[in-house]
Protein backbone atom coordinates (compact mmCIF):
# COMPACT_ATOMS: atom_id res chain seq x y z
CA MET A 1 37.20 -28.80 -2.98
CA MET A 2 39.13 -26.72 -0.47
CA GLU A 3 39.40 -28.06 3.07
CA LEU A 4 37.97 -25.58 5.58
CA THR A 5 39.72 -24.30 8.64
CA GLU A 6 38.20 -25.88 11.71
CA LEU A 7 35.77 -23.57 13.42
CA THR A 8 37.37 -22.72 16.75
CA GLU A 9 35.27 -22.29 19.87
CA LEU A 10 35.96 -18.54 19.84
CA ARG A 11 34.95 -18.01 16.22
CA ALA A 12 31.96 -20.32 16.71
CA ARG A 13 30.72 -18.06 19.55
CA LYS A 14 31.24 -14.93 17.49
CA LEU A 15 29.53 -16.40 14.42
CA SER A 16 26.67 -17.68 16.56
CA ARG A 17 26.14 -14.12 17.76
CA ALA A 18 26.47 -12.84 14.18
CA PHE A 19 23.85 -15.38 13.08
CA ALA A 20 21.48 -14.03 15.75
CA HIS A 21 22.12 -10.49 14.44
CA LEU A 22 21.00 -11.60 11.00
CA ASP A 23 18.10 -13.84 12.05
CA VAL A 24 15.89 -10.79 12.35
CA ASP A 25 12.61 -12.75 12.35
CA GLY A 26 13.91 -15.32 14.86
CA ASP A 27 13.02 -18.42 12.82
CA ARG A 28 16.53 -19.96 13.14
CA GLN A 29 17.13 -19.49 9.42
CA ILE A 30 18.64 -16.56 7.58
CA GLU A 31 17.23 -15.54 4.25
CA ARG A 32 17.64 -12.47 2.05
CA GLN A 33 14.75 -10.71 3.82
CA ASP A 34 16.64 -10.96 7.13
CA VAL A 35 19.71 -9.35 5.60
CA LEU A 36 17.58 -6.56 4.11
CA ALA A 37 15.85 -6.07 7.47
CA LEU A 38 19.23 -5.61 9.15
CA GLY A 39 20.09 -3.04 6.49
CA ALA A 40 16.80 -1.25 7.16
CA ARG A 41 17.47 -1.16 10.92
CA LEU A 42 20.90 0.34 10.27
CA LEU A 43 19.50 2.96 7.90
CA ILE A 44 16.68 3.89 10.27
CA GLY A 45 18.99 3.97 13.28
CA PHE A 46 21.39 6.36 11.60
CA GLY A 47 18.67 8.38 9.84
CA GLU A 48 19.97 7.54 6.38
CA ALA A 49 17.71 7.20 3.35
CA PRO A 50 18.04 3.97 1.33
CA THR A 51 18.32 6.13 -1.79
CA SER A 52 21.28 8.15 -0.51
CA ALA A 53 24.82 7.24 -1.57
CA LYS A 54 25.52 5.69 1.85
CA GLY A 55 22.17 3.88 1.85
CA LYS A 56 22.67 2.41 -1.61
CA GLN A 57 26.21 1.33 -0.75
CA LEU A 58 25.00 -0.40 2.41
CA ILE A 59 22.25 -2.35 0.67
CA GLU A 60 24.47 -3.32 -2.28
CA THR A 61 27.32 -4.54 -0.09
CA LEU A 62 25.07 -6.48 2.31
CA ASP A 63 23.49 -8.11 -0.73
CA ALA A 64 26.97 -9.02 -2.03
CA VAL A 65 27.84 -10.65 1.31
CA TRP A 66 24.61 -12.64 1.16
CA ASP A 67 25.31 -13.76 -2.41
CA ALA A 68 28.85 -14.85 -1.44
CA LEU A 69 27.54 -16.92 1.47
CA LEU A 70 24.94 -18.65 -0.70
CA ALA A 71 27.50 -19.30 -3.42
CA GLU A 72 29.85 -21.00 -0.96
CA LEU A 73 27.16 -23.55 -0.17
CA GLY A 74 25.92 -23.88 -3.73
CA LEU A 75 22.55 -22.32 -2.91
CA GLY A 76 20.48 -20.21 -5.27
CA PRO A 77 19.12 -16.72 -4.60
CA ASP A 78 16.22 -18.07 -2.53
CA GLY A 79 18.52 -20.07 -0.27
CA ARG A 80 18.29 -20.10 3.50
CA LEU A 81 21.10 -20.62 5.98
CA SER A 82 21.00 -22.42 9.30
CA SER A 83 23.44 -21.43 12.02
CA ASP A 84 25.77 -24.27 11.00
CA GLY A 85 25.54 -23.37 7.32
CA PHE A 86 26.22 -19.73 8.13
CA GLY A 87 29.39 -20.67 10.05
CA ARG A 88 30.59 -22.91 7.22
CA ALA A 89 29.86 -20.28 4.58
CA MET A 90 31.53 -17.47 6.55
CA THR A 91 34.62 -19.62 7.02
CA ALA A 92 34.71 -20.75 3.40
CA ALA A 93 34.18 -17.27 1.94
CA PHE A 94 35.97 -14.95 4.31
CA VAL A 95 38.52 -16.96 6.31
CA ASP A 96 39.71 -19.67 3.93
CA GLY A 97 38.42 -18.12 0.72
CA THR A 98 39.24 -15.01 -1.22
CA GLN A 99 36.09 -12.98 -0.54
CA ALA A 100 37.15 -11.01 2.57
CA ASP A 101 38.73 -8.10 0.70
CA PRO A 102 36.39 -7.80 -2.29
CA VAL A 103 33.11 -8.58 -0.48
CA LEU A 104 33.22 -8.47 3.33
CA ARG A 105 35.46 -5.42 3.70
CA PRO A 106 33.24 -3.16 1.52
CA ALA A 107 30.18 -4.19 3.59
CA ILE A 108 32.03 -3.39 6.81
CA ASP A 109 33.14 -0.07 5.34
CA ALA A 110 29.55 0.76 4.38
CA VAL A 111 28.34 0.09 7.94
CA VAL A 112 31.21 2.10 9.42
CA ARG A 113 30.49 5.02 7.09
CA LEU A 114 26.94 5.08 8.46
CA CYS A 115 28.32 5.24 12.00
CA ASP A 116 30.41 8.26 11.06
CA GLY A 117 27.46 10.43 10.11
CA ASP A 118 29.41 13.69 10.25
CA ASP A 119 32.35 12.22 8.29
CA ASP A 120 34.91 13.31 10.87
CA GLY A 121 36.67 9.95 10.94
CA ALA A 122 35.52 9.09 14.46
CA VAL A 123 32.74 7.07 16.07
CA GLY A 124 31.63 7.96 19.58
CA LEU A 125 29.57 6.20 22.21
CA ASP A 126 26.20 7.33 20.84
CA GLU A 127 27.02 6.05 17.35
CA LEU A 128 28.34 2.76 18.71
CA ARG A 129 25.18 2.39 20.81
CA THR A 130 23.05 2.97 17.68
CA LEU A 131 25.10 0.32 15.85
CA HIS A 132 24.57 -2.16 18.68
CA GLU A 133 20.83 -1.49 18.73
CA ALA A 134 20.56 -1.99 14.96
CA PHE A 135 22.29 -5.36 15.42
CA GLY A 136 19.71 -6.37 18.02
CA HIS A 137 21.47 -5.45 21.26
CA ASP A 138 20.05 -3.05 23.81
CA GLY A 139 23.11 -0.81 23.52
CA ASP A 140 24.31 -1.30 27.10
CA GLU A 141 27.48 -3.05 25.93
CA ALA A 142 28.54 -0.10 23.76
CA GLU A 143 30.48 1.49 26.61
CA VAL A 144 32.31 -1.78 27.31
CA ALA A 145 33.07 -2.21 23.60
CA LEU A 146 34.33 1.35 23.24
CA ALA A 147 36.62 0.96 26.25
CA ARG A 148 38.10 -2.27 24.84
CA LEU A 149 38.54 -1.15 21.24
CA ALA A 150 41.33 1.17 20.13
CA VAL A 151 40.19 4.70 20.89
CA ASP A 152 41.71 8.01 19.94
CA GLY A 153 42.65 10.77 22.38
CA ARG A 154 39.05 12.03 22.48
CA GLY A 155 37.53 8.79 23.73
CA GLN A 156 36.25 7.90 20.30
CA LEU A 157 36.94 5.02 17.99
CA THR A 158 38.53 5.85 14.67
CA VAL A 159 36.62 4.74 11.61
CA ASP A 160 39.62 2.65 10.56
CA GLY A 161 39.79 1.12 14.06
CA LEU A 162 36.11 0.18 13.94
CA ALA A 163 36.49 -1.38 10.49
CA ALA A 164 39.52 -3.40 11.65
CA ALA A 165 37.64 -4.53 14.77
CA ALA A 166 34.68 -5.68 12.66
CA LEU A 167 36.91 -7.65 10.29
CA ASP A 168 38.59 -9.30 13.30
CA TYR A 169 35.21 -10.09 14.81
CA TYR A 170 34.08 -12.07 11.79
CA THR A 171 37.35 -13.73 10.79
CA SER A 172 39.90 -13.88 13.62
CA ASP A 173 40.66 -16.77 15.94
CA ASP A 174 43.04 -14.64 18.02
CA PRO A 175 41.67 -14.58 21.58
CA ASP A 176 43.43 -11.25 22.16
CA ALA A 177 42.03 -9.48 19.09
CA ALA A 178 40.34 -6.22 20.03
CA GLY A 179 37.57 -7.03 17.56
CA ASN A 180 36.30 -9.75 19.87
CA TRP A 181 34.80 -6.89 21.90
CA LEU A 182 32.93 -5.30 18.98
CA PHE A 183 29.55 -6.08 20.55
CA GLY A 184 30.75 -6.15 24.16
CA ALA A 185 31.64 -9.21 26.18
CA LEU A 186 31.16 -12.58 24.50
CA ASP A 187 28.95 -14.98 26.42
CA GLY A 188 30.45 -18.26 27.53
């Protein structure tokens, strides 16, 4: 069995916030229904049908992330994750393991493609606010996040920049990584 990287205080705070994003029903456990509910909030927020190409990609890739997390802990399809289990599974699959590129990155790309509704390669403040709201924030931190993340000359975030920030958010221990600001200032 592979020894896991120790969960740093920074990554623990980010993954705690990520757990709250996924614990849609607030019962301190994540299950498949929570992941699907997050997908539904994203689709509704961006006005995308679940049967569209972007909608199908989002649901399939979120489901793949869920399956990878359960597999890391040896849980079946009806498994549930606590906050601690979520942190361990995220670290095992996407930091220490080999699942970041084949599983996590496609899910991030699917979310980012939703944000770029007009397919111009850029995400502005309104789209970032919608993303924040779908993840359970009130959207007020979107301006802070946009200012901290790499923006282009038009005051927008490139799609590639948003995807890189999201990957950093979930996997990086670098305190200076721009992705730490994906959802605004971290508490604590």
